[in-house]
Amino acid sequence: MTSRDAASCQYQHSSARASGPEPTRTNRIAFHPFNGGLLTPLVFCFSSQADDGSRMLGFCCGSVRFCPVLLVLMLESCGANVVIQKDAQFDMTYDDMVTSDNQTIYSYNHTVSRNKTEGVRVSVELLSESTQSPVLFVVRQKQAVLSFQVPLILRGLYQRKYQYTQVGRTLCQPPTKAVAETQFFYVDVSTLSSAGVHYQLRVSRVDSFTLQTDKKFSFNATPSQPQFFKYMFPDGVDTVIVKVNSQKNFPCSVMSIQDIQCPVYDLDNNVAFIGMYQTMTTTAAITVQKKDFPSNSFYVVVVVKTEDEACGGPLRFYPLLPDELLDAGNRSKTLDVIVSPAINSEVYVMGMLFCLGIFLSFYLLTFLVACLENKRMNRKREGLLNIDTSPAETASLLGKASVSPYEYGSFADNGSTLSSEAITDSLASADGNYGYIERSLESVGRSRQESLSSVEEDDYDTLADIDSDKNIVRTKKFLCVSDLARKDKRILSKKYQIYFWNIATIAVFYALPVIQLVITYQTVVNVTGNQDICYYNFLCAHPLGALSSFNNILSNLGYVLLGLLFLLIVLQRDILHNRALERNDTTALECGIPKHFGLYYAMGTALMMEGLLSACYHVCPNYTNFQFDTSFMYMIAGLCMLKLYQKRHPDINASAYSAYACLAAVIFFSVLGVVFGKGNTVFWIIFSVIHILATMLLSTQLYYMGRWRLDSGILRRILNVIYTDCIRQCSGPMYIDRMVLLVMGNIVNWSLAAYGLIKRPNDFASYLLAIAICNLLLYFAFYIIMKLRSGERIKCLALVCILFTAVVWGFALFFFFQGLSTWQKTPAESREHNRECILLSFFDDHDIWHFLSSIAMFGSFLVLLTMDDDLDAVQRDKIYVF
C-alpha cells in the first residue's frame, strides 16, 4: 500500500466519564481509501487490560482484511505511543518510568465545597541523573491547566540558567457555585526522551491552605517549590496587613498578593505579572483592602528567587559559559505568614484630630501669650504715665543708666571711644513699647536721623567718592551696629522683602512639578503593584484613597501650620514697628537691632514649603525624589544664617539674588551627589576641593566685611600680608572675635570635607544637610556667647524658647535616628528596619520626628525673632558688632 492509498492517519483522543467514577478513554486510527470506496467501512477495535488495572488502548480500523496493513501504517506514520491511565490516590508516592513510547495519565478526584477551599499540591522529583529531554507534566482541571517541565529551568541575571530536579506546585482552586461538587483532575506525564526517565509523583492535600486571622503559619519554599495560600475577609474587616517573616536573610524571596483567579503566577519569572508584590529578606508586609478584591478573598504567594542580587546579596557565578546550567544549591527558606486586621476608620479620625489638636494648640498658646503680654505692657504704660516726670527728671534718670564696660583694648586705633552702656531696669521695663515713653533721647534721635536722612543705598554704595568712607567705617577695629546701619531703612526694607517674593516664586515653580511627579509615582505603584518602588515603613503604612501611606503625609501638617503661625507673629511685629515709624518714635528709629522682616517672611514660607514638599516626598519615598524633602531644609539653614548675620550687619548682608544663587548651587550639588556620588572617588575629590575653597572665600568675605577684591592681584596681596604680618613682624589679627569664629568654622568644615572624602557616605543629601546645620549651630553658639560677653542679656521669653527648642530638638533627633527605612539599601534590606506604629496605632517613629522637628523649627525661628528684644531701648552706637 502506497501513500496514494491513504487519505489520513489520525490519532484521536477523547475522554468521557461513563456511569461510575472511572472515565472511559478511546484511541482511534481511521483509514479511508481513495479507490472509489472499494472497502466498506467497518469498525474493529482492540483493547487490553493490564495487570495493574490500567487500560492499554489499541487501534480501530475500517476493515478486518486490512487491519494488519493499518497497524503497520500506524506504526510507521504515527509512531507507537502507548497511553497508560491510572486511578491515583492522594498522599501516595508513584515511582514510575516514562519514555517517548508511552504516556502515563494519573486520574484524581476530590470534593470541592463552596464554603471550604481544599488545597492540592503536586510534587515531582526526577530520579534519573541525566536526561536528553525534560519530562512534561500537565495537570488538567475543570477550569484550569497547569504545566511544567522537570528538570525546571529558571533564568537569572545575564541569562544565567538554574536547573531544579525537584518541583512542587499548588493547584489553583477556582470557586464553585455548588454546595459540594466532585471534580476530577488528571496529571499527564510524557517525554520525548527515548531512554527511560525515572520519576516520583505525589499529590497531597495542603493543610491550612486557608489562612486564619491572627494565626501564624510556617512553611518551606524553594525557587522550584513555591507556596501560596488563600485568605478570606471576615465580616466587619475591610483592611488587613499580610506579614511574612523569616529568620534568614537569604535566599531572597518575593511575597505577592493576587486575586482568586487561574493561573496563579508563582514562579520567579512571572510572579510580578499581576497583583501586588515586594521582595524580602527577613520581613515583608502588604496592606490589603477589601475593596480591591471583588471575591472578598485573595492569594498570598511566596516565591524564593533564583538569585539574591535583588535583595542586596552577591552574584555567586560570574562569568559564565553561554548555555551552562548552574546548580543553585540549597535555596530552601522557612517562612511564617500571619494576616492581621488593620486599623479601622475610628483610628484614622483619632489620628487626624490628634495632629490638628497639637498644632492648633500652639495658635491658642500664642494668643494667650500675646494677651498676657499686652495686658502687662498696658499696666506698665499706665504706671509710667501716672508718674509726673519733668524733663529734668527724665534727663537725671537717663544719667543714672548703669554701665557694663566691655574691654576690647585700646580704642585709639579707630579714633573713637566705645563704651557699652546698658539701660537700667527702670528704663528697660518699657522696651518694645515704641512711642509710649517721652524722654530726652528724642533730641539725640532727631539729630541722628537728620544726619542720615540724605544717605540712600544708591548714593552710598555706588558713588566712588565715598568708597574711602566705606573702608574707614567697615575696617574699624571695633564696630557698632550704627556703623553698619547707615543706609535708608525704606530701601533696605525693600531689599530684604525681595527674599520673601523670590522664595514665594521659587516655591510655586518648584512645587507644581513635584506634585505632578509624585502623583505619577503613586499611580505607577498602584497600577503595576510593584511595592519596591517606594520605601515605606510597611508595618505602619495606612492607606487612604490612592495614597499608600497617609499617616506619613498627615504628620507633615505641622510644618505648614506652624510656618503660617510664624508668619502671623512676624506680621504682627511688622505692623507695630511700622506704626512706630509713622509716629517718628525715636526708640524705633535709633534703638535696638534694625527691624527688617523680609528674611523672617522668607523663613516662614520656607517652613511651610518644607511641610508640603516633605509630604510629597512621603507619597513615594525613594532616592530619586529625596531632594524634595531636603531642598527647603537647605533654604531654611541658609536663611537662618543670613538672618543671624543681618542682625548686626544690616548694610552689608547678601542680596536675595546672590543668596538664592548660592542655595541653588548647593541643591545642584545635592542632585549630582545623589546621582553620581555613590562610591565615585573623582566626584568626592572635586566636591571636597570646592567645599574647602568656598569656606576660605567666605571666611575672607566675613573677616574683611566685604572690603576685598578677588582679582588678578589677589595672590600678590596675600603674599604681602603674610610678609608684613607674619615674617617682618609677628602681629596678631586685628579682629580677634571674628578670627576665632572663622578658625572654628574652618576646622569644622575641613573636618567634614575630610570625612566625606574618606568615608564617602551613600546619603549625600543628608551629608550636605549636616554641613549646613553644623555651620548654623556654630554661628548661633558664637552669637549667643558674644552677646553674653558683651554685657547683653537674654529676656525671659527668649530664654524659654531657647531651652524649650533645645529639649525638643533632642527628642526629635532621637526619633530621626531610629531609621525605619533607608533608600541607601535595596527595598528588601530597607524593610528589615520597619517597625510597628507606636502612637495611637497610627503614627510611627518618623511621624513623631515630623511632629517634633516642626515644633523645634518653629521654636528656633522664635529664638531668632526674640533673642535681641533686650536691645530695643539701647542706642545702636552702644550695640557691638560681632
Foldseek 3Di string as FASTA:
>chain_A
DDPLQWDDWDWDWDWDCDPDDDIDIATETETDGDPPCPAAFDWDFDWDADPVRWTWGDYIYRDPVCVVVVVVVCCVPVNAETETEEADDAPDKDKDKAEQRYKYKYKYKDKDAQVDGWKKKKKKAWPDPDFPKWKKKWKDWPPAIDIATPQGWDADPPRATATHRIAMDIAADAHDPDRMDMIMMMIMIHIHTRDMTIMMMHMHIDPCLEPDAQDKDKDKAAQRYKDKHKYADDPPFFKKKKKKFFPFQDDKKKKFKAARDPDQQAHQVCNLVDGAMEIARGMDMDMDGQVVYPVRMIMIIMHGDLHRVLFPDDDDDPDDDNPDYDHSPDRMTMMMIHMYGADDVVLVVVLLCVLVVVQVVVVVVVVVVVVVVVVVLVVVLVVVVVDPADQVNLVVLQVPFDFDAFDPDDQVQLPDDFTFTAGDPVVLVNFPPFPSDDYPVLVVLVVVCVVLVPAALCVQPPDPVCVVVVLSLLPRLWHFLCSQPRHDPVVLLVQLLVLLVVLVVVLVVVQVVLLVVLVVVLVCCVVSSYLLQFQDLSQFADDDDSFGRVLQLSLLVLLQSLLVVQLVVLVVSVVSLVVSVVVVGSLSRFWFFPDHCNLSSSLSVLSNQLSSLSSSCNSGPALQSVLSNQLSLLVNLLSLVLLLQCRRNVNLGDTSVVSVVVSVVLSVLQNCCLVPQQVDLVSLVVVLVVLLVVLVVVLVCVLSVNPDDDDPCPVVVVVVCCCVCPPVHPDDDSHVLSVVLSVVLSVVSNVLSVCCNVVSDNNVSVSSSVNSVVNSVSSVVSSVVVCVSLVHDFDPVLVVLVVVLVVLVVLLVVLVVLQCADNSGRSNVRNVSRDFDDPSSNHRSVSVSSNSVSVSSSSVSVNSVRRRSSTSRPGRSSHIDD
